[in-house]
Amino acid sequence: MKTLDTLPPLSRVIADHDLDARRSLGQNFLLDLNLTGKIARQAGDLTGADILEIGPGPGGLTRGLLAEGARRVLAVEKDRRCLPALKQIADACPGRLEVIEADALQLDPLAHLTPPVKVVANLPYNVGTELLVRWLTPRDWPPFWQSLTLMFQREVAERIVATPGSKAYGRLSLLAQWRSVPRIVLNLPPGAFSPPPKVSSAVVHLQALPAPRFPADHKVLERVVAMAFNQRRKMLRAALKGLCPDIGDRLRAAGIDPTQRAETVTLEQFCALARNVPG
């Protein structure tokens, strides 16, 4: 019986199954198993956790997760061309890898996972941000996941960890930092991928907080932040005038100068404002 150590190199798997990466699916494959193992280790101890992996492709990161001792991996793959390659891995690790052919945006994975759950993925570029926002904005908190360890374009990773006053600071920064502790743990050049993308990439680790940093209704906070940054060059009294007629007074009550712009406002101030505007 095959084991992880006796599986063929990923380059051969891709050739055998004709797995040319497709731009339409946001695919860029990682072929270096030393690198995929390093990414898996950024998620911490995997031995007692179920792992959700989105877009495993030919299974480089999947192998890394299993080799690092993941209790079980649920791999969600939209591209059916990858399924035979993933089956080889499943056969080498009986009972530890379940592969579902599905669009991650349409699938509720909870029925297939047993807590504790960690999400580890080289996310397809075309759905990565949308999936992250969904994972950060459930109605109830704590979420189903303990941590997220995710590959993004470097620009997106910088937005997740950005602080007030920087050009990268925005809606994604606030949503991530309100309910989690995000940090960039690994940078990868284009040459690490096949085919090489036009931009650098980075792995971000987000550890879920037991409760949000500051109290606020998540829907109100999301609406306030979205309005503020949709017109980030405007003063907040203009960008948020659609919230309520007396927005200037409500901004001042939250400790915000109405002439400030969104990129200068802290998370704590946005939460205070969300508590002080109509729901």
Protein backbone atom coordinates (compact mmCIF):
# COMPACT_ATOMS: atom_id res chain seq x y z
CA MET A 1 0.00 0.00 0.00
CA LYS A 2 1.21 3.50 -0.84
CA THR A 3 2.11 5.98 1.88
CA LEU A 4 2.63 9.74 1.70
CA ASP A 5 6.37 9.17 1.31
CA THR A 6 5.91 6.91 -1.71
CA LEU A 7 3.52 9.15 -3.65
CA PRO A 8 4.96 10.53 -6.91
CA PRO A 9 6.35 14.08 -7.11
CA LEU A 10 3.74 16.76 -7.74
CA SER A 11 5.31 17.65 -11.08
CA ARG A 12 4.66 14.10 -12.24
CA VAL A 13 1.13 14.11 -10.82
CA ILE A 14 0.37 17.29 -12.78
CA ALA A 15 1.79 15.78 -15.96
CA ASP A 16 0.04 12.42 -15.50
CA HIS A 17 -3.37 14.05 -14.97
CA ASP A 18 -2.91 16.97 -17.38
CA LEU A 19 -3.46 19.50 -14.61
CA ASP A 20 -2.49 22.75 -16.26
CA ALA A 21 -3.43 25.56 -13.86
CA ARG A 22 -6.43 27.51 -15.08
CA ARG A 23 -6.66 31.26 -14.68
CA SER A 24 -10.48 31.06 -14.69
CA LEU A 25 -10.30 29.04 -11.45
CA GLY A 26 -7.67 31.28 -9.84
CA GLN A 27 -5.20 28.37 -9.78
CA ASN A 28 -1.50 28.66 -9.00
CA PHE A 29 -0.03 25.39 -7.75
CA LEU A 30 2.66 24.99 -5.09
CA LEU A 31 4.97 22.12 -6.08
CA ASP A 32 7.67 22.30 -3.39
CA LEU A 33 6.65 19.87 -0.63
CA ASN A 34 9.16 21.46 1.76
CA LEU A 35 7.29 24.73 1.29
CA THR A 36 3.82 23.21 1.66
CA GLY A 37 4.99 21.55 4.88
CA LYS A 38 6.24 24.90 6.14
CA ILE A 39 2.84 26.48 5.41
CA ALA A 40 1.07 23.65 7.23
CA ARG A 41 3.23 24.25 10.30
CA GLN A 42 2.13 27.90 10.45
CA ALA A 43 -1.26 26.62 11.62
CA GLY A 44 0.28 25.21 14.81
CA ASP A 45 -0.44 21.77 16.25
CA LEU A 46 -2.73 19.89 13.86
CA THR A 47 -2.84 16.54 15.61
CA GLY A 48 -6.15 17.07 17.40
CA ALA A 49 -7.95 19.10 14.72
CA ASP A 50 -10.05 18.71 11.61
CA ILE A 51 -8.65 20.84 8.79
CA LEU A 52 -10.75 22.54 6.12
CA GLU A 53 -8.77 23.07 2.92
CA ILE A 54 -10.26 25.00 -0.01
CA GLY A 55 -8.85 24.49 -3.52
CA PRO A 56 -6.28 21.75 -2.87
CA GLY A 57 -5.50 21.32 -6.59
CA PRO A 58 -3.07 18.42 -7.03
CA GLY A 59 -2.67 18.16 -3.25
CA GLY A 60 0.68 19.70 -2.32
CA LEU A 61 -0.63 21.45 0.81
CA THR A 62 -2.93 18.48 1.48
CA ARG A 63 0.12 16.25 1.77
CA GLY A 64 1.77 18.77 4.07
CA LEU A 65 -1.24 18.90 6.38
CA LEU A 66 -1.43 15.11 6.63
CA ALA A 67 2.32 14.76 7.10
CA GLU A 68 2.17 17.30 9.95
CA GLY A 69 -0.32 15.05 11.74
CA ALA A 70 -3.75 16.55 10.96
CA ARG A 71 -6.43 14.37 12.51
CA ARG A 72 -8.50 14.72 9.37
CA VAL A 73 -8.58 16.92 6.27
CA LEU A 74 -11.72 17.96 4.41
CA ALA A 75 -10.60 19.13 0.96
CA VAL A 76 -13.12 21.06 -1.14
CA GLU A 77 -12.18 21.12 -4.82
CA LYS A 78 -14.21 22.60 -7.68
CA ASP A 79 -11.97 21.29 -10.48
CA ARG A 80 -12.84 17.64 -11.08
CA ARG A 81 -9.58 17.14 -12.99
CA CYS A 82 -7.84 17.18 -9.59
CA LEU A 83 -9.95 14.45 -8.01
CA PRO A 84 -7.87 11.44 -9.18
CA ALA A 85 -4.69 13.02 -7.78
CA LEU A 86 -6.43 13.69 -4.47
CA LYS A 87 -7.77 10.13 -4.38
CA GLN A 88 -4.17 8.88 -4.48
CA ILE A 89 -3.49 10.86 -1.31
CA ALA A 90 -6.68 9.61 0.34
CA ASP A 91 -5.71 6.01 -0.45
CA ALA A 92 -2.33 6.60 1.19
CA CYS A 93 -3.99 7.94 4.37
CA PRO A 94 -7.08 5.81 5.00
CA GLY A 95 -9.80 7.63 6.92
CA ARG A 96 -7.91 10.91 7.17
CA LEU A 97 -8.79 12.69 3.91
CA GLU A 98 -12.28 13.40 2.60
CA VAL A 99 -12.55 15.11 -0.79
CA ILE A 100 -15.72 16.93 -1.83
CA GLU A 101 -16.23 18.19 -5.36
CA ALA A 102 -17.98 21.49 -4.80
CA ASP A 103 -17.82 25.26 -5.10
CA ALA A 104 -16.61 26.49 -1.71
CA LEU A 105 -18.90 29.52 -2.00
CA GLN A 106 -21.92 27.21 -2.19
CA LEU A 107 -20.95 24.59 0.39
CA ASP A 108 -21.67 24.51 4.12
CA PRO A 109 -18.76 22.40 5.40
CA LEU A 110 -19.94 22.15 9.01
CA ALA A 111 -21.76 18.84 8.52
CA HIS A 112 -18.44 17.29 7.49
CA LEU A 113 -16.26 18.66 10.30
CA THR A 114 -15.76 17.83 13.96
CA PRO A 115 -14.39 20.57 16.28
CA PRO A 116 -11.81 21.80 16.84
CA VAL A 117 -11.49 23.05 13.26
CA LYS A 118 -8.69 24.97 11.57
CA VAL A 119 -8.85 26.34 8.04
CA VAL A 120 -5.62 26.06 6.05
CA ALA A 121 -5.62 26.85 2.34
CA ASN A 122 -3.81 28.24 -0.65
CA LEU A 123 -7.02 30.02 -1.61
CA PRO A 124 -7.89 30.49 -5.27
CA TYR A 125 -7.21 34.17 -5.93
CA ASN A 126 -10.67 34.78 -7.39
CA VAL A 127 -12.61 33.79 -4.25
CA GLY A 128 -10.10 34.28 -1.43
CA THR A 129 -11.29 37.64 -0.12
CA GLU A 130 -14.97 36.71 -0.29
CA LEU A 131 -14.37 33.52 1.70
CA LEU A 132 -12.35 35.40 4.31
CA VAL A 133 -15.10 37.99 4.81
CA ARG A 134 -17.68 35.21 5.24
CA TRP A 135 -15.53 33.47 7.85
CA LEU A 136 -15.03 36.75 9.73
CA THR A 137 -18.69 37.84 9.74
CA PRO A 138 -20.90 34.99 10.98
CA ARG A 139 -23.92 35.95 13.06
CA ASP A 140 -22.63 34.08 16.10
CA TRP A 141 -19.15 34.28 17.63
CA PRO A 142 -16.88 32.40 18.35
CA PRO A 143 -16.99 30.90 14.84
CA PHE A 144 -16.68 27.26 13.78
CA TRP A 145 -12.94 27.73 13.25
CA GLN A 146 -10.13 28.23 15.77
CA SER A 147 -7.72 29.73 13.26
CA LEU A 148 -7.33 30.57 9.59
CA THR A 149 -3.98 30.08 7.84
CA LEU A 150 -4.47 31.37 4.33
CA MET A 151 -2.49 32.28 1.24
CA PHE A 152 -3.33 35.59 -0.42
CA GLN A 153 -1.84 38.01 -2.87
CA ARG A 154 0.65 40.09 -0.89
CA GLU A 155 -1.48 43.22 -1.39
CA VAL A 156 -4.51 41.53 0.22
CA ALA A 157 -2.39 40.21 3.10
CA GLU A 158 -1.13 43.73 3.81
CA ARG A 159 -4.72 45.03 3.89
CA ILE A 160 -5.65 42.42 6.50
CA VAL A 161 -2.95 43.53 8.95
CA ALA A 162 -2.89 47.26 8.11
CA THR A 163 -3.14 49.94 10.81
CA PRO A 164 -4.84 53.37 10.77
CA GLY A 165 -3.11 55.97 8.65
CA SER A 166 -1.79 53.57 6.03
CA LYS A 167 -3.09 53.33 2.47
CA ALA A 168 -3.77 49.61 2.94
CA TYR A 169 -6.03 50.23 5.97
CA GLY A 170 -9.66 49.62 5.20
CA ARG A 171 -12.73 47.43 5.56
CA LEU A 172 -10.77 44.17 5.48
CA SER A 173 -8.37 45.40 8.18
CA LEU A 174 -11.22 46.27 10.52
CA LEU A 175 -13.24 43.10 9.97
CA ALA A 176 -10.16 40.94 10.57
CA GLN A 177 -8.85 42.81 13.59
CA TRP A 178 -12.22 43.18 15.32
CA ARG A 179 -12.62 39.45 15.95
CA SER A 180 -9.17 37.92 15.40
CA VAL A 181 -5.44 38.44 15.72
CA PRO A 182 -4.02 38.51 12.18
CA ARG A 183 -0.34 38.41 11.26
CA ILE A 184 1.68 37.72 8.14
CA VAL A 185 3.74 34.59 8.81
CA LEU A 186 5.31 33.82 5.43
CA ASN A 187 6.13 35.64 2.19
CA LEU A 188 6.39 33.80 -1.12
CA PRO A 189 7.81 35.04 -4.43
CA PRO A 190 6.02 34.38 -7.73
CA GLY A 191 8.58 31.69 -8.58
CA ALA A 192 7.26 29.45 -5.79
CA PHE A 193 4.18 28.73 -7.90
CA SER A 194 3.39 27.01 -11.16
CA PRO A 195 2.63 28.98 -13.22
CA PRO A 196 4.24 32.00 -11.51
CA PRO A 197 1.63 34.71 -10.83
CA LYS A 198 2.40 38.34 -11.61
CA VAL A 199 2.40 39.29 -7.92
CA SER A 200 4.02 38.12 -4.70
CA SER A 201 1.99 36.16 -2.16
CA ALA A 202 1.85 35.89 1.61
CA VAL A 203 0.43 33.54 4.21
CA VAL A 204 -1.71 35.17 6.90
CA HIS A 205 -2.53 33.44 10.19
CA LEU A 206 -5.67 34.68 11.96
CA GLN A 207 -6.38 33.43 15.47
CA ALA A 208 -10.01 33.76 16.51
CA LEU A 209 -10.64 35.83 19.63
CA PRO A 210 -13.12 34.44 22.18
CA ALA A 211 -15.12 37.67 21.81
CA PRO A 212 -14.82 40.81 19.63
CA ARG A 213 -12.32 43.39 20.86
CA PHE A 214 -15.05 46.02 21.32
CA PRO A 215 -18.84 45.62 21.53
CA ALA A 216 -20.84 46.37 18.38
CA ASP A 217 -23.61 44.84 16.31
CA HIS A 218 -21.79 43.12 13.45
CA LYS A 219 -24.28 44.18 10.77
CA VAL A 220 -24.24 47.82 11.86
CA LEU A 221 -20.44 47.84 12.07
CA GLU A 222 -20.12 46.29 8.62
CA ARG A 223 -22.49 48.88 7.14
CA VAL A 224 -20.73 51.82 8.79
CA VAL A 225 -17.29 50.63 7.72
CA ALA A 226 -18.42 49.88 4.16
CA MET A 227 -19.96 53.35 3.76
CA ALA A 228 -16.91 55.05 5.25
CA PHE A 229 -14.41 53.35 2.97
CA ASN A 230 -16.52 53.38 -0.19
CA GLN A 231 -15.82 57.13 -0.21
CA ARG A 232 -12.56 57.13 1.69
CA ARG A 233 -11.41 60.48 0.27
CA LYS A 234 -14.41 62.26 1.72
CA MET A 235 -14.75 63.58 5.24
CA LEU A 236 -16.80 61.21 7.36
CA ARG A 237 -19.63 63.70 7.82
CA ALA A 238 -20.15 63.50 4.05
CA ALA A 239 -19.37 59.81 3.53
CA LEU A 240 -21.78 58.77 6.30
CA LYS A 241 -24.54 61.34 5.85
CA GLY A 242 -26.88 58.60 4.63
CA LEU A 243 -26.79 56.89 8.03
CA CYS A 244 -28.79 59.53 9.88
CA PRO A 245 -29.45 63.32 9.72
CA ASP A 246 -27.39 64.12 12.82
CA ILE A 247 -24.31 62.12 11.83
CA GLY A 248 -21.98 64.95 12.90
CA ASP A 249 -23.21 64.81 16.49
CA ARG A 250 -23.00 61.01 16.53
CA LEU A 251 -19.44 61.09 15.20
CA ARG A 252 -18.41 63.54 17.93
CA ALA A 253 -20.11 61.35 20.56
CA ALA A 254 -17.94 58.45 19.37
CA GLY A 255 -14.81 60.55 19.74
CA ILE A 256 -14.44 61.16 15.99
CA ASP A 257 -13.96 64.56 14.38
CA PRO A 258 -16.54 64.82 11.57
CA THR A 259 -13.82 66.18 9.27
CA GLN A 260 -11.69 63.04 9.67
CA ARG A 261 -11.38 60.53 6.84
CA ALA A 262 -12.01 56.83 7.30
CA GLU A 263 -8.37 55.78 7.12
CA THR A 264 -7.56 57.75 10.28
CA VAL A 265 -10.30 56.22 12.46
CA THR A 266 -9.41 53.39 14.84
CA LEU A 267 -11.30 50.15 15.26
CA GLU A 268 -12.40 51.20 18.75
CA GLN A 269 -13.84 54.45 17.35
CA PHE A 270 -15.70 52.65 14.55
CA CYS A 271 -17.22 50.29 17.11
CA ALA A 272 -18.28 53.24 19.28
CA LEU A 273 -19.92 54.82 16.26
CA ALA A 274 -21.69 51.56 15.36
CA ARG A 275 -23.19 51.52 18.87
CA ASN A 276 -24.40 55.10 18.40
CA VAL A 277 -26.20 54.97 15.04
CA PRO A 278 -29.56 53.46 14.07
CA GLY A 279 -29.48 49.70 13.50
